[in-house]
Amino acid sequence: MYFGSSAIVDFALCSGLGVAAASCVAAAIETVNVIATAQMRDGSKKVLRVVVLLLDGGALLSIAAFIGGTKSVRDADSVFGFVVGMLAVGLLGFLIRRIRQLPRTSRHR
């Protein structure tokens, strides 16, 4: 059983789920960092980080349950697609940080 009509569509859909999961995790981390830089007590910052970690863990588990629940033995393409989607977001974030760190050169001299 596939989500779509073939293994390629199944891989693409699960890659999309991986991108969505990693994007949610990245957004939550950025949100916590912005909130934590506000004037908060250290204990409150730690509690906030733990709550966000639990929420993100629950979201990832629900996506994994969806993938696993649609077929008792999921095709390898689905699991691999989910991982590729998550890694793609991580790689994109890494590249964005590297580009921001590059020195800006003047084009007009």
N, C-alpha and C. Protein backbone atom coordinates (compact mmCIF):
# COMPACT_ATOMS: atom_id res chain seq x y z
N MET A 1 0.85 -1.18 0.00
CA MET A 1 0.00 0.00 0.00
C MET A 1 0.88 1.23 0.00
N TYR A 2 0.57 2.17 -0.83
CA TYR A 2 1.28 3.44 -0.89
C TYR A 2 0.31 4.56 -0.56
N PHE A 3 0.84 5.70 -0.14
CA PHE A 3 0.00 6.88 0.05
C PHE A 3 -0.56 7.33 -1.29
N GLY A 4 0.31 7.32 -2.28
CA GLY A 4 -0.08 7.75 -3.61
C GLY A 4 -0.22 6.55 -4.52
N SER A 5 0.11 6.74 -5.77
CA SER A 5 -0.06 5.68 -6.75
C SER A 5 1.20 4.85 -6.96
N SER A 6 2.35 5.30 -6.44
CA SER A 6 3.59 4.56 -6.66
C SER A 6 4.56 4.82 -5.51
N ALA A 7 5.68 4.13 -5.57
CA ALA A 7 6.71 4.31 -4.55
C ALA A 7 7.32 5.70 -4.62
N ILE A 8 7.37 6.29 -5.80
CA ILE A 8 7.93 7.64 -5.94
C ILE A 8 7.04 8.67 -5.26
N VAL A 9 5.74 8.53 -5.47
CA VAL A 9 4.80 9.44 -4.81
C VAL A 9 4.84 9.23 -3.31
N ASP A 10 4.95 8.00 -2.87
CA ASP A 10 5.05 7.68 -1.45
C ASP A 10 6.29 8.33 -0.84
N PHE A 11 7.42 8.23 -1.54
CA PHE A 11 8.65 8.86 -1.08
C PHE A 11 8.48 10.38 -0.99
N ALA A 12 7.87 10.98 -2.00
CA ALA A 12 7.69 12.44 -2.02
C ALA A 12 6.77 12.90 -0.89
N LEU A 13 5.69 12.18 -0.65
CA LEU A 13 4.77 12.56 0.43
C LEU A 13 5.45 12.45 1.79
N CYS A 14 6.20 11.39 2.00
CA CYS A 14 6.88 11.24 3.28
C CYS A 14 8.02 12.25 3.43
N SER A 15 8.65 12.62 2.33
CA SER A 15 9.65 13.69 2.39
C SER A 15 9.00 14.99 2.81
N GLY A 16 7.82 15.25 2.28
CA GLY A 16 7.06 16.44 2.69
C GLY A 16 6.71 16.43 4.16
N LEU A 17 6.35 15.26 4.69
CA LEU A 17 6.09 15.14 6.12
C LEU A 17 7.35 15.40 6.93
N GLY A 18 8.49 14.96 6.43
CA GLY A 18 9.77 15.22 7.10
C GLY A 18 10.11 16.70 7.10
N VAL A 19 9.86 17.36 5.98
CA VAL A 19 10.10 18.81 5.89
C VAL A 19 9.18 19.54 6.87
N ALA A 20 7.92 19.13 6.93
CA ALA A 20 6.99 19.78 7.85
C ALA A 20 7.40 19.58 9.30
N ALA A 21 7.82 18.37 9.65
CA ALA A 21 8.23 18.09 11.02
C ALA A 21 9.47 18.89 11.40
N ALA A 22 10.47 18.90 10.53
CA ALA A 22 11.70 19.64 10.83
C ALA A 22 11.45 21.14 10.87
N SER A 23 10.57 21.63 10.04
CA SER A 23 10.25 23.06 10.04
C SER A 23 9.56 23.46 11.35
N CYS A 24 8.69 22.60 11.84
CA CYS A 24 8.04 22.87 13.12
C CYS A 24 9.05 22.89 14.26
N VAL A 25 9.97 21.97 14.24
CA VAL A 25 11.01 21.92 15.28
C VAL A 25 11.88 23.18 15.20
N ALA A 26 12.28 23.58 13.99
CA ALA A 26 13.12 24.78 13.83
C ALA A 26 12.38 26.03 14.28
N ALA A 27 11.11 26.13 13.94
CA ALA A 27 10.32 27.29 14.36
C ALA A 27 10.16 27.34 15.87
N ALA A 28 9.96 26.18 16.49
CA ALA A 28 9.82 26.14 17.95
C ALA A 28 11.12 26.53 18.63
N ILE A 29 12.24 26.07 18.10
CA ILE A 29 13.53 26.42 18.69
C ILE A 29 13.78 27.93 18.59
N GLU A 30 13.50 28.51 17.43
CA GLU A 30 13.69 29.95 17.27
C GLU A 30 12.75 30.73 18.19
N THR A 31 11.53 30.27 18.33
CA THR A 31 10.58 30.94 19.21
C THR A 31 11.04 30.90 20.65
N VAL A 32 11.50 29.77 21.09
CA VAL A 32 11.99 29.65 22.47
C VAL A 32 13.21 30.54 22.67
N ASN A 33 14.11 30.61 21.69
CA ASN A 33 15.28 31.46 21.83
C ASN A 33 14.90 32.93 21.94
N VAL A 34 13.90 33.35 21.17
CA VAL A 34 13.46 34.75 21.24
C VAL A 34 12.79 35.02 22.57
N ILE A 35 11.93 34.11 23.01
CA ILE A 35 11.24 34.31 24.28
C ILE A 35 12.23 34.24 25.44
N ALA A 36 13.18 33.33 25.35
CA ALA A 36 14.14 33.14 26.45
C ALA A 36 15.10 34.31 26.58
N THR A 37 15.29 35.09 25.52
CA THR A 37 16.17 36.24 25.64
C THR A 37 15.48 37.39 26.35
N ALA A 38 14.15 37.32 26.45
CA ALA A 38 13.43 38.34 27.21
C ALA A 38 13.79 38.18 28.68
N GLN A 39 13.39 39.15 29.45
CA GLN A 39 13.75 39.11 30.87
C GLN A 39 12.86 38.10 31.58
N MET A 40 13.41 36.90 31.70
CA MET A 40 12.72 35.80 32.38
C MET A 40 13.68 35.21 33.41
N ARG A 41 13.10 34.59 34.37
CA ARG A 41 13.94 33.87 35.33
C ARG A 41 14.51 32.64 34.68
N ASP A 42 15.66 32.20 35.18
CA ASP A 42 16.30 31.01 34.62
C ASP A 42 15.42 29.78 34.74
N GLY A 43 14.71 29.66 35.83
CA GLY A 43 13.81 28.51 36.01
C GLY A 43 12.68 28.51 34.99
N SER A 44 12.14 29.69 34.72
CA SER A 44 11.07 29.80 33.72
C SER A 44 11.56 29.45 32.33
N LYS A 45 12.79 29.86 32.00
CA LYS A 45 13.36 29.52 30.70
C LYS A 45 13.51 28.01 30.55
N LYS A 46 13.98 27.36 31.61
CA LYS A 46 14.16 25.90 31.55
C LYS A 46 12.82 25.19 31.40
N VAL A 47 11.82 25.64 32.12
CA VAL A 47 10.49 25.02 32.01
C VAL A 47 9.94 25.21 30.60
N LEU A 48 10.10 26.40 30.04
CA LEU A 48 9.63 26.68 28.69
C LEU A 48 10.31 25.78 27.67
N ARG A 49 11.61 25.61 27.81
CA ARG A 49 12.34 24.73 26.89
C ARG A 49 11.89 23.29 27.00
N VAL A 50 11.62 22.82 28.21
CA VAL A 50 11.16 21.44 28.40
C VAL A 50 9.77 21.26 27.78
N VAL A 51 8.89 22.23 27.97
CA VAL A 51 7.54 22.15 27.40
C VAL A 51 7.61 22.10 25.88
N VAL A 52 8.44 22.95 25.27
CA VAL A 52 8.56 22.94 23.81
C VAL A 52 9.17 21.62 23.34
N LEU A 53 10.14 21.10 24.06
CA LEU A 53 10.72 19.80 23.70
C LEU A 53 9.66 18.70 23.73
N LEU A 54 8.82 18.69 24.75
CA LEU A 54 7.78 17.67 24.84
C LEU A 54 6.74 17.83 23.73
N LEU A 55 6.38 19.07 23.41
CA LEU A 55 5.43 19.30 22.32
C LEU A 55 6.00 18.85 20.98
N ASP A 56 7.25 19.18 20.72
CA ASP A 56 7.88 18.76 19.47
C ASP A 56 8.04 17.24 19.41
N GLY A 57 8.40 16.65 20.52
CA GLY A 57 8.50 15.19 20.56
C GLY A 57 7.16 14.53 20.27
N GLY A 58 6.10 15.09 20.83
CA GLY A 58 4.76 14.57 20.57
C GLY A 58 4.36 14.73 19.11
N ALA A 59 4.73 15.86 18.51
CA ALA A 59 4.41 16.08 17.09
C ALA A 59 5.15 15.07 16.22
N LEU A 60 6.43 14.85 16.49
CA LEU A 60 7.19 13.88 15.71
C LEU A 60 6.64 12.46 15.90
N LEU A 61 6.23 12.14 17.12
CA LEU A 61 5.65 10.82 17.35
C LEU A 61 4.32 10.65 16.62
N SER A 62 3.53 11.71 16.54
CA SER A 62 2.25 11.60 15.84
C SER A 62 2.47 11.41 14.34
N ILE A 63 3.47 12.06 13.78
CA ILE A 63 3.78 11.86 12.35
C ILE A 63 4.28 10.44 12.14
N ALA A 64 5.14 9.97 13.02
CA ALA A 64 5.63 8.59 12.90
C ALA A 64 4.49 7.59 13.06
N ALA A 65 3.54 7.87 13.95
CA ALA A 65 2.40 6.97 14.11
C ALA A 65 1.52 6.98 12.86
N PHE A 66 1.40 8.13 12.22
CA PHE A 66 0.63 8.21 10.98
C PHE A 66 1.28 7.37 9.89
N ILE A 67 2.59 7.52 9.75
CA ILE A 67 3.30 6.74 8.73
C ILE A 67 3.21 5.25 9.06
N GLY A 68 3.44 4.90 10.30
CA GLY A 68 3.40 3.49 10.70
C GLY A 68 2.00 2.91 10.72
N GLY A 69 0.99 3.75 11.01
CA GLY A 69 -0.38 3.25 11.09
C GLY A 69 -1.02 3.00 9.75
N THR A 70 -0.49 3.57 8.70
CA THR A 70 -1.10 3.38 7.39
C THR A 70 -0.74 2.04 6.78
N LYS A 71 0.27 1.41 7.32
CA LYS A 71 0.63 0.07 6.86
C LYS A 71 1.42 -0.60 7.97
N SER A 72 1.11 -1.85 8.23
CA SER A 72 1.77 -2.52 9.35
C SER A 72 3.28 -2.62 9.14
N VAL A 73 3.70 -2.86 7.93
CA VAL A 73 5.13 -2.86 7.61
C VAL A 73 5.30 -1.84 6.49
N ARG A 74 5.76 -0.66 6.85
CA ARG A 74 5.87 0.44 5.90
C ARG A 74 7.03 0.18 4.95
N ASP A 75 6.86 0.58 3.73
CA ASP A 75 7.92 0.45 2.73
C ASP A 75 9.13 1.29 3.13
N ALA A 76 10.28 0.84 2.75
CA ALA A 76 11.51 1.56 3.11
C ALA A 76 11.53 2.95 2.51
N ASP A 77 10.89 3.16 1.36
CA ASP A 77 10.86 4.47 0.74
C ASP A 77 10.21 5.52 1.64
N SER A 78 9.19 5.12 2.38
CA SER A 78 8.50 6.06 3.24
C SER A 78 9.40 6.55 4.37
N VAL A 79 10.03 5.62 5.04
CA VAL A 79 10.90 5.98 6.16
C VAL A 79 12.09 6.79 5.66
N PHE A 80 12.67 6.35 4.57
CA PHE A 80 13.81 7.07 3.99
C PHE A 80 13.40 8.47 3.54
N GLY A 81 12.21 8.60 2.97
CA GLY A 81 11.72 9.91 2.53
C GLY A 81 11.54 10.85 3.70
N PHE A 82 11.02 10.35 4.82
CA PHE A 82 10.84 11.18 6.02
C PHE A 82 12.19 11.69 6.51
N VAL A 83 13.17 10.82 6.56
CA VAL A 83 14.51 11.21 7.01
C VAL A 83 15.14 12.21 6.04
N VAL A 84 15.00 11.97 4.74
CA VAL A 84 15.55 12.90 3.75
C VAL A 84 14.91 14.27 3.87
N GLY A 85 13.61 14.32 4.11
CA GLY A 85 12.93 15.59 4.29
C GLY A 85 13.44 16.36 5.50
N MET A 86 13.66 15.65 6.60
CA MET A 86 14.17 16.30 7.81
C MET A 86 15.60 16.79 7.59
N LEU A 87 16.42 15.97 6.94
CA LEU A 87 17.80 16.37 6.68
C LEU A 87 17.87 17.55 5.71
N ALA A 88 16.94 17.63 4.77
CA ALA A 88 16.93 18.74 3.81
C ALA A 88 16.71 20.07 4.52
N VAL A 89 15.83 20.10 5.51
CA VAL A 89 15.59 21.33 6.25
C VAL A 89 16.83 21.69 7.08
N GLY A 90 17.45 20.69 7.69
CA GLY A 90 18.68 20.95 8.45
C GLY A 90 19.79 21.48 7.57
N LEU A 91 19.94 20.92 6.38
CA LEU A 91 20.95 21.39 5.45
C LEU A 91 20.65 22.80 4.97
N LEU A 92 19.40 23.09 4.71
CA LEU A 92 19.01 24.43 4.28
C LEU A 92 19.31 25.46 5.37
N GLY A 93 19.00 25.11 6.62
CA GLY A 93 19.32 26.00 7.73
C GLY A 93 20.81 26.24 7.88
N PHE A 94 21.59 25.17 7.71
CA PHE A 94 23.04 25.30 7.77
C PHE A 94 23.56 26.22 6.67
N LEU A 95 23.05 26.05 5.45
CA LEU A 95 23.49 26.89 4.33
C LEU A 95 23.11 28.35 4.53
N ILE A 96 21.94 28.59 5.07
CA ILE A 96 21.51 29.97 5.32
C ILE A 96 22.43 30.63 6.35
N ARG A 97 22.78 29.89 7.41
CA ARG A 97 23.70 30.45 8.41
C ARG A 97 25.07 30.74 7.82
N ARG A 98 25.56 29.85 6.96
CA ARG A 98 26.87 30.05 6.33
C ARG A 98 26.86 31.26 5.40
N ILE A 99 25.79 31.43 4.65
CA ILE A 99 25.70 32.56 3.73
C ILE A 99 25.63 33.86 4.51
N ARG A 100 24.93 33.88 5.63
CA ARG A 100 24.86 35.10 6.45
C ARG A 100 26.21 35.46 7.05
N GLN A 101 27.07 34.46 7.26
CA GLN A 101 28.37 34.72 7.87
C GLN A 101 29.41 35.16 6.85
N LEU A 102 29.15 35.00 5.56
CA LEU A 102 30.11 35.40 4.55
C LEU A 102 30.29 36.92 4.57
N PRO A 103 31.52 37.38 4.39
CA PRO A 103 31.73 38.83 4.37
C PRO A 103 31.11 39.42 3.10
N ARG A 104 30.50 40.57 3.27
CA ARG A 104 29.90 41.24 2.13
C ARG A 104 30.96 42.05 1.41
N THR A 105 31.08 41.80 0.14
CA THR A 105 32.08 42.54 -0.65
C THR A 105 31.36 43.57 -1.49
N SER A 106 32.05 44.63 -1.75
CA SER A 106 31.47 45.70 -2.56
C SER A 106 31.64 45.34 -4.03
N ARG A 107 30.56 45.45 -4.77
CA ARG A 107 30.61 45.15 -6.21
C ARG A 107 31.13 46.34 -6.98
N HIS A 108 30.97 47.53 -6.44
CA HIS A 108 31.39 48.75 -7.12
C HIS A 108 32.65 49.28 -6.47
N ARG A 109 33.73 49.30 -7.20
CA ARG A 109 34.99 49.81 -6.64
C ARG A 109 35.44 51.00 -7.37
